[in-house]
Amino acid sequence: MASKDIEVSINGRKIQLKMPKSDADILFVKSIPYARWQREGFFWDIPNFTGNLERIKQYFGPRIAKFTEHEHFEVRFGNTERQVHKNQVLAIKTRSGRLKLIFGYHMALMNAIKSFPYYQWDGKNKWWTIPFSEQFFEEIKSKVNDLGLVFLFEAEDECIGVPKAKATDIVDYRKCPEEYLHKLQERRYSQSTIRAYVPLFEEFINHFPKVLLENLGEQE
């Protein structure tokens, strides 16, 4: 075996590892969670999680002959491919009312996303989603900017229907009643759940601006 025979490539959220067949090396790679062998490209696909790159560098050491870190990574939407820079965060408002977040490996941003209620990680497509609301949108945008990343936003084509009204577009916008907050607290909902319910409830009551709150019923 040559003294230098390993190729490591960093592609945003993935580490691609090429190496000659060796039982000891394969055993090491398999010890890394979620490492997968890709037959088509003859390389190991390893998530760029905390510590994974350091483990690889420490294990192979001077045997690493080629190390490449790409400035962009590719993401696929159906039959469309997009390139996202490693310092960018692509946020997409989906038709289902969620905010899809696509970015390279960034632990601080991942931890911030986990503070939102009902966050989800799509392991197949490698992106995060959180419920979409103006409040959550502004919070995640502010966090991205604070981390020195570039925030990109776009929205999927909306289905035909009545667009949601923004708070700034509504005269006499009705805030969430204190009674509603007290009821959630009485039922011992967590702060993250309350944080999710309040903007949704405000959206609901402002959808019927001419109906008194006490008159909103089953039909509405």
C-alpha atoms as a PDB file:
ATOM      1  CA  MET A   1       0.000   0.000   0.000  1.00  0.00           C
ATOM      2  CA  ALA A   2       1.293   3.445  -0.910  1.00  0.00           C
ATOM      3  CA  SER A   3       2.217   5.799   1.900  1.00  0.00           C
ATOM      4  CA  LYS A   4      -0.349   8.293   0.633  1.00  0.00           C
ATOM      5  CA  ASP A   5      -3.509   6.705  -0.722  1.00  0.00           C
ATOM      6  CA  ILE A   6      -6.498   8.518   0.798  1.00  0.00           C
ATOM      7  CA  GLU A   7      -8.647  11.238  -0.799  1.00  0.00           C
ATOM      8  CA  VAL A   8     -10.953  13.405   1.342  1.00  0.00           C
ATOM      9  CA  SER A   9     -13.473  15.797  -0.177  1.00  0.00           C
ATOM     10  CA  ILE A  10     -15.707  18.158   1.835  1.00  0.00           C
ATOM     11  CA  ASN A  11     -18.939  18.994   0.059  1.00  0.00           C
ATOM     12  CA  GLY A  12     -20.998  21.123   2.433  1.00  0.00           C
ATOM     13  CA  ARG A  13     -22.836  18.645   4.620  1.00  0.00           C
ATOM     14  CA  LYS A  14     -20.977  15.573   3.365  1.00  0.00           C
ATOM     15  CA  ILE A  15     -17.489  14.104   3.562  1.00  0.00           C
ATOM     16  CA  GLN A  16     -16.516  11.896   0.646  1.00  0.00           C
ATOM     17  CA  LEU A  17     -13.733   9.442   1.429  1.00  0.00           C
ATOM     18  CA  LYS A  18     -11.895   7.396  -1.200  1.00  0.00           C
ATOM     19  CA  MET A  19      -9.466   4.715  -0.095  1.00  0.00           C
ATOM     20  CA  PRO A  20      -8.071   1.323  -1.130  1.00  0.00           C
ATOM     21  CA  LYS A  21      -9.782  -1.704   0.341  1.00  0.00           C
ATOM     22  CA  SER A  22      -8.504  -2.493   3.810  1.00  0.00           C
ATOM     23  CA  ASP A  23     -10.364  -4.413   6.497  1.00  0.00           C
ATOM     24  CA  ALA A  24      -8.935  -2.220   9.261  1.00  0.00           C
ATOM     25  CA  ASP A  25      -9.812   1.019   7.448  1.00  0.00           C
ATOM     26  CA  ILE A  26     -13.307  -0.200   6.593  1.00  0.00           C
ATOM     27  CA  LEU A  27     -13.867  -1.137  10.238  1.00  0.00           C
ATOM     28  CA  PHE A  28     -12.859   2.386  11.254  1.00  0.00           C
ATOM     29  CA  VAL A  29     -15.166   4.055   8.716  1.00  0.00           C
ATOM     30  CA  LYS A  30     -18.090   1.856   9.760  1.00  0.00           C
ATOM     31  CA  SER A  31     -17.597   3.062  13.334  1.00  0.00           C
ATOM     32  CA  ILE A  32     -18.645   6.562  12.204  1.00  0.00           C
ATOM     33  CA  PRO A  33     -22.442   6.923  12.527  1.00  0.00           C
ATOM     34  CA  TYR A  34     -24.359   7.037   9.225  1.00  0.00           C
ATOM     35  CA  ALA A  35     -21.312   6.340   7.046  1.00  0.00           C
ATOM     36  CA  ARG A  36     -22.478   4.734   3.789  1.00  0.00           C
ATOM     37  CA  TRP A  37     -20.641   3.077   0.908  1.00  0.00           C
ATOM     38  CA  GLN A  38     -21.583   4.542  -2.481  1.00  0.00           C
ATOM     39  CA  ARG A  39     -21.028   1.917  -5.154  1.00  0.00           C
ATOM     40  CA  GLU A  40     -21.588   4.260  -8.087  1.00  0.00           C
ATOM     41  CA  GLY A  41     -18.727   6.584  -7.145  1.00  0.00           C
ATOM     42  CA  PHE A  42     -16.647   4.053  -5.183  1.00  0.00           C
ATOM     43  CA  PHE A  43     -16.401   6.254  -2.103  1.00  0.00           C
ATOM     44  CA  TRP A  44     -17.654   6.446   1.470  1.00  0.00           C
ATOM     45  CA  ASP A  45     -20.324   9.062   2.152  1.00  0.00           C
ATOM     46  CA  ILE A  46     -19.986  10.426   5.701  1.00  0.00           C
ATOM     47  CA  PRO A  47     -22.074  13.201   7.332  1.00  0.00           C
ATOM     48  CA  ASN A  48     -20.053  16.318   8.114  1.00  0.00           C
ATOM     49  CA  PHE A  49     -21.081  16.230  11.764  1.00  0.00           C
ATOM     50  CA  THR A  50     -19.086  17.540  14.713  1.00  0.00           C
ATOM     51  CA  GLY A  51     -15.834  15.636  15.132  1.00  0.00           C
ATOM     52  CA  ASN A  52     -16.138  13.414  12.037  1.00  0.00           C
ATOM     53  CA  LEU A  53     -13.564  15.281   9.966  1.00  0.00           C
ATOM     54  CA  GLU A  54     -11.176  15.453  12.913  1.00  0.00           C
ATOM     55  CA  ARG A  55     -11.507  11.696  13.466  1.00  0.00           C
ATOM     56  CA  ILE A  56     -10.706  11.019   9.813  1.00  0.00           C
ATOM     57  CA  LYS A  57      -7.675  13.312   9.822  1.00  0.00           C
ATOM     58  CA  GLN A  58      -6.352  11.803  13.043  1.00  0.00           C
ATOM     59  CA  TYR A  59      -6.826   8.210  11.876  1.00  0.00           C
ATOM     60  CA  PHE A  60      -5.350   8.486   8.361  1.00  0.00           C
ATOM     61  CA  GLY A  61      -2.816  11.225   9.148  1.00  0.00           C
ATOM     62  CA  PRO A  62      -0.058  11.492   6.495  1.00  0.00           C
ATOM     63  CA  ARG A  63      -1.792   8.885   4.335  1.00  0.00           C
ATOM     64  CA  ILE A  64      -4.184  11.585   3.106  1.00  0.00           C
ATOM     65  CA  ALA A  65      -2.872  12.424  -0.365  1.00  0.00           C
ATOM     66  CA  LYS A  66      -5.608  14.823  -1.448  1.00  0.00           C
ATOM     67  CA  PHE A  67      -7.853  17.097   0.593  1.00  0.00           C
ATOM     68  CA  THR A  68     -10.495  19.227  -1.134  1.00  0.00           C
ATOM     69  CA  GLU A  69     -13.107  21.551   0.355  1.00  0.00           C
ATOM     70  CA  HIS A  70     -15.716  22.697  -2.159  1.00  0.00           C
ATOM     71  CA  GLU A  71     -17.131  26.204  -1.959  1.00  0.00           C
ATOM     72  CA  HIS A  72     -20.579  25.012  -3.083  1.00  0.00           C
ATOM     73  CA  PHE A  73     -22.737  21.952  -2.575  1.00  0.00           C
ATOM     74  CA  GLU A  74     -25.604  20.702  -4.684  1.00  0.00           C
ATOM     75  CA  VAL A  75     -29.162  20.156  -3.544  1.00  0.00           C
ATOM     76  CA  ARG A  76     -31.910  18.520  -5.585  1.00  0.00           C
ATOM     77  CA  PHE A  77     -35.584  19.545  -5.766  1.00  0.00           C
ATOM     78  CA  GLY A  78     -37.393  16.932  -7.816  1.00  0.00           C
ATOM     79  CA  ASN A  79     -35.664  17.104 -11.211  1.00  0.00           C
ATOM     80  CA  THR A  80     -33.943  20.425 -10.454  1.00  0.00           C
ATOM     81  CA  GLU A  81     -30.486  20.867  -8.972  1.00  0.00           C
ATOM     82  CA  ARG A  82     -29.323  23.993  -7.155  1.00  0.00           C
ATOM     83  CA  GLN A  83     -25.933  25.068  -5.902  1.00  0.00           C
ATOM     84  CA  VAL A  84     -25.662  26.599  -2.443  1.00  0.00           C
ATOM     85  CA  HIS A  85     -22.475  28.276  -1.200  1.00  0.00           C
ATOM     86  CA  LYS A  86     -21.081  26.930   2.063  1.00  0.00           C
ATOM     87  CA  ASN A  87     -21.684  30.358   3.676  1.00  0.00           C
ATOM     88  CA  GLN A  88     -25.291  30.632   2.484  1.00  0.00           C
ATOM     89  CA  VAL A  89     -28.574  29.528   4.030  1.00  0.00           C
ATOM     90  CA  LEU A  90     -31.352  28.914   1.529  1.00  0.00           C
ATOM     91  CA  ALA A  91     -34.792  29.339   3.111  1.00  0.00           C
ATOM     92  CA  ILE A  92     -37.822  28.221   1.120  1.00  0.00           C
ATOM     93  CA  LYS A  93     -41.417  28.797   2.149  1.00  0.00           C
ATOM     94  CA  THR A  94     -43.283  25.672   1.107  1.00  0.00           C
ATOM     95  CA  ARG A  95     -46.878  25.364  -0.038  1.00  0.00           C
ATOM     96  CA  SER A  96     -47.553  23.243   3.053  1.00  0.00           C
ATOM     97  CA  GLY A  97     -46.817  26.197   5.342  1.00  0.00           C
ATOM     98  CA  ARG A  98     -43.323  25.291   6.492  1.00  0.00           C
ATOM     99  CA  LEU A  99     -39.932  26.962   6.118  1.00  0.00           C
ATOM    100  CA  LYS A 100     -37.319  24.708   4.537  1.00  0.00           C
ATOM    101  CA  LEU A 101     -33.720  25.511   5.554  1.00  0.00           C
ATOM    102  CA  ILE A 102     -30.782  24.302   3.476  1.00  0.00           C
ATOM    103  CA  PHE A 103     -27.168  24.967   4.471  1.00  0.00           C
ATOM    104  CA  GLY A 104     -23.790  23.351   4.990  1.00  0.00           C
ATOM    105  CA  TYR A 105     -22.727  21.917   8.300  1.00  0.00           C
ATOM    106  CA  HIS A 106     -23.113  24.553  11.024  1.00  0.00           C
ATOM    107  CA  MET A 107     -23.637  23.372  14.611  1.00  0.00           C
ATOM    108  CA  ALA A 108     -24.709  26.759  16.036  1.00  0.00           C
ATOM    109  CA  LEU A 109     -27.442  27.121  13.429  1.00  0.00           C
ATOM    110  CA  MET A 110     -28.582  23.528  13.920  1.00  0.00           C
ATOM    111  CA  ASN A 111     -28.921  24.131  17.663  1.00  0.00           C
ATOM    112  CA  ALA A 112     -30.908  27.313  16.977  1.00  0.00           C
ATOM    113  CA  ILE A 113     -33.314  25.410  14.728  1.00  0.00           C
ATOM    114  CA  LYS A 114     -33.863  22.833  17.447  1.00  0.00           C
ATOM    115  CA  SER A 115     -35.178  25.606  19.713  1.00  0.00           C
ATOM    116  CA  PHE A 116     -38.191  26.054  17.429  1.00  0.00           C
ATOM    117  CA  PRO A 117     -41.295  23.976  18.085  1.00  0.00           C
ATOM    118  CA  TYR A 118     -42.071  21.178  15.635  1.00  0.00           C
ATOM    119  CA  TYR A 119     -38.736  21.343  13.830  1.00  0.00           C
ATOM    120  CA  GLN A 120     -37.931  18.385  11.565  1.00  0.00           C
ATOM    121  CA  TRP A 121     -34.793  16.983   9.955  1.00  0.00           C
ATOM    122  CA  ASP A 122     -35.201  15.330   6.543  1.00  0.00           C
ATOM    123  CA  GLY A 123     -32.375  12.812   6.502  1.00  0.00           C
ATOM    124  CA  LYS A 124     -33.000  11.790   2.903  1.00  0.00           C
ATOM    125  CA  ASN A 125     -32.899  15.286   1.407  1.00  0.00           C
ATOM    126  CA  LYS A 126     -30.562  16.757   4.061  1.00  0.00           C
ATOM    127  CA  TRP A 127     -32.579  19.815   5.037  1.00  0.00           C
ATOM    128  CA  TRP A 128     -34.413  21.168   8.090  1.00  0.00           C
ATOM    129  CA  THR A 129     -37.950  22.514   8.277  1.00  0.00           C
ATOM    130  CA  ILE A 130     -39.831  24.576  10.864  1.00  0.00           C
ATOM    131  CA  PRO A 131     -43.400  25.926  10.836  1.00  0.00           C
ATOM    132  CA  PHE A 132     -43.654  29.137   8.836  1.00  0.00           C
ATOM    133  CA  SER A 133     -44.808  32.291  10.602  1.00  0.00           C
ATOM    134  CA  GLU A 134     -43.642  35.885  10.343  1.00  0.00           C
ATOM    135  CA  GLN A 135     -42.225  35.665  13.866  1.00  0.00           C
ATOM    136  CA  PHE A 136     -40.237  32.478  13.200  1.00  0.00           C
ATOM    137  CA  PHE A 137     -39.074  33.814   9.836  1.00  0.00           C
ATOM    138  CA  GLU A 138     -37.649  36.982  11.375  1.00  0.00           C
ATOM    139  CA  GLU A 139     -36.047  35.040  14.241  1.00  0.00           C
ATOM    140  CA  ILE A 140     -34.249  32.559  11.987  1.00  0.00           C
ATOM    141  CA  LYS A 141     -33.202  35.319   9.572  1.00  0.00           C
ATOM    142  CA  SER A 142     -31.745  37.329  12.450  1.00  0.00           C
ATOM    143  CA  LYS A 143     -29.890  34.265  13.764  1.00  0.00           C
ATOM    144  CA  VAL A 144     -28.400  33.533  10.332  1.00  0.00           C
ATOM    145  CA  ASN A 145     -27.178  37.125  10.009  1.00  0.00           C
ATOM    146  CA  ASP A 146     -25.731  37.067  13.538  1.00  0.00           C
ATOM    147  CA  LEU A 147     -23.701  33.988  12.575  1.00  0.00           C
ATOM    148  CA  GLY A 148     -22.201  35.844   9.612  1.00  0.00           C
ATOM    149  CA  LEU A 149     -24.004  33.747   7.009  1.00  0.00           C
ATOM    150  CA  VAL A 150     -25.897  34.923   3.935  1.00  0.00           C
ATOM    151  CA  PHE A 151     -29.676  34.476   4.101  1.00  0.00           C
ATOM    152  CA  LEU A 152     -31.456  33.668   0.815  1.00  0.00           C
ATOM    153  CA  PHE A 153     -35.239  33.407   0.637  1.00  0.00           C
ATOM    154  CA  GLU A 154     -37.732  32.219  -1.925  1.00  0.00           C
ATOM    155  CA  ALA A 155     -41.250  30.827  -1.887  1.00  0.00           C
ATOM    156  CA  GLU A 156     -42.767  27.914  -3.727  1.00  0.00           C
ATOM    157  CA  ASP A 157     -45.598  28.778  -6.090  1.00  0.00           C
ATOM    158  CA  GLU A 158     -48.712  29.266  -3.996  1.00  0.00           C
ATOM    159  CA  CYS A 159     -51.860  27.300  -4.665  1.00  0.00           C
ATOM    160  CA  ILE A 160     -54.807  29.315  -5.926  1.00  0.00           C
ATOM    161  CA  GLY A 161     -56.679  30.799  -2.978  1.00  0.00           C
ATOM    162  CA  VAL A 162     -56.828  33.743  -0.619  1.00  0.00           C
ATOM    163  CA  PRO A 163     -53.327  34.918   0.377  1.00  0.00           C
ATOM    164  CA  LYS A 164     -52.548  35.304   4.056  1.00  0.00           C
ATOM    165  CA  ALA A 165     -52.731  38.852   5.329  1.00  0.00           C
ATOM    166  CA  LYS A 166     -49.699  40.320   7.071  1.00  0.00           C
ATOM    167  CA  ALA A 167     -50.023  41.973  10.459  1.00  0.00           C
ATOM    168  CA  THR A 168     -48.751  45.266   9.026  1.00  0.00           C
ATOM    169  CA  ASP A 169     -51.471  45.207   6.356  1.00  0.00           C
ATOM    170  CA  ILE A 170     -54.362  44.852   8.810  1.00  0.00           C
ATOM    171  CA  VAL A 171     -55.967  47.900  10.376  1.00  0.00           C
ATOM    172  CA  ASP A 172     -56.670  47.374  14.088  1.00  0.00           C
ATOM    173  CA  TYR A 173     -54.709  44.135  14.132  1.00  0.00           C
ATOM    174  CA  ARG A 174     -55.935  41.969  16.989  1.00  0.00           C
ATOM    175  CA  LYS A 175     -53.277  40.560  19.286  1.00  0.00           C
ATOM    176  CA  CYS A 176     -53.645  37.276  21.108  1.00  0.00           C
ATOM    177  CA  PRO A 177     -55.976  37.726  24.121  1.00  0.00           C
ATOM    178  CA  GLU A 178     -54.510  37.231  27.571  1.00  0.00           C
ATOM    179  CA  GLU A 179     -57.251  34.694  28.279  1.00  0.00           C
ATOM    180  CA  TYR A 180     -55.893  32.455  25.517  1.00  0.00           C
ATOM    181  CA  LEU A 181     -52.384  32.588  26.975  1.00  0.00           C
ATOM    182  CA  HIS A 182     -53.689  31.824  30.435  1.00  0.00           C
ATOM    183  CA  LYS A 183     -55.602  28.825  29.109  1.00  0.00           C
ATOM    184  CA  LEU A 184     -52.463  27.401  27.483  1.00  0.00           C
ATOM    185  CA  GLN A 185     -50.527  27.944  30.694  1.00  0.00           C
ATOM    186  CA  GLU A 186     -53.271  26.281  32.746  1.00  0.00           C
ATOM    187  CA  ARG A 187     -52.980  23.249  30.495  1.00  0.00           C
ATOM    188  CA  ARG A 188     -49.227  23.210  31.147  1.00  0.00           C
ATOM    189  CA  TYR A 189     -48.152  23.640  27.545  1.00  0.00           C
ATOM    190  CA  SER A 190     -44.421  24.209  27.121  1.00  0.00           C
ATOM    191  CA  GLN A 191     -43.099  27.655  26.211  1.00  0.00           C
ATOM    192  CA  SER A 192     -42.075  26.409  22.763  1.00  0.00           C
ATOM    193  CA  THR A 193     -45.609  25.139  22.107  1.00  0.00           C
ATOM    194  CA  ILE A 194     -47.149  28.417  23.289  1.00  0.00           C
ATOM    195  CA  ARG A 195     -44.687  30.237  21.055  1.00  0.00           C
ATOM    196  CA  ALA A 196     -45.996  28.212  18.094  1.00  0.00           C
ATOM    197  CA  TYR A 197     -49.705  28.520  18.898  1.00  0.00           C
ATOM    198  CA  VAL A 198     -49.895  32.280  19.522  1.00  0.00           C
ATOM    199  CA  PRO A 199     -49.063  33.540  15.988  1.00  0.00           C
ATOM    200  CA  LEU A 200     -51.325  30.889  14.484  1.00  0.00           C
ATOM    201  CA  PHE A 201     -54.209  31.929  16.745  1.00  0.00           C
ATOM    202  CA  GLU A 202     -53.639  35.595  15.857  1.00  0.00           C
ATOM    203  CA  GLU A 203     -53.752  34.675  12.180  1.00  0.00           C
ATOM    204  CA  PHE A 204     -57.063  32.906  12.799  1.00  0.00           C
ATOM    205  CA  ILE A 205     -58.807  35.707  14.679  1.00  0.00           C
ATOM    206  CA  ASN A 206     -57.633  38.343  12.188  1.00  0.00           C
ATOM    207  CA  HIS A 207     -59.028  36.299   9.320  1.00  0.00           C
ATOM    208  CA  PHE A 208     -62.469  37.296  10.669  1.00  0.00           C
ATOM    209  CA  PRO A 209     -61.906  40.988  11.517  1.00  0.00           C
ATOM    210  CA  LYS A 210     -65.640  41.825  11.616  1.00  0.00           C
ATOM    211  CA  VAL A 211     -66.552  38.990  13.980  1.00  0.00           C
ATOM    212  CA  LEU A 212     -66.270  39.547  17.732  1.00  0.00           C
ATOM    213  CA  LEU A 213     -63.903  37.117  19.403  1.00  0.00           C
ATOM    214  CA  GLU A 214     -66.668  35.752  21.605  1.00  0.00           C
ATOM    215  CA  ASN A 215     -68.745  35.033  18.507  1.00  0.00           C
ATOM    216  CA  LEU A 216     -66.136  32.928  16.733  1.00  0.00           C
ATOM    217  CA  GLY A 217     -67.534  29.442  16.719  1.00  0.00           C
ATOM    218  CA  GLU A 218     -67.424  26.034  15.104  1.00  0.00           C
ATOM    219  CA  GLN A 219     -68.283  27.349  11.646  1.00  0.00           C
ATOM    220  CA  GLU A 220     -65.262  29.664  11.606  1.00  0.00           C
END
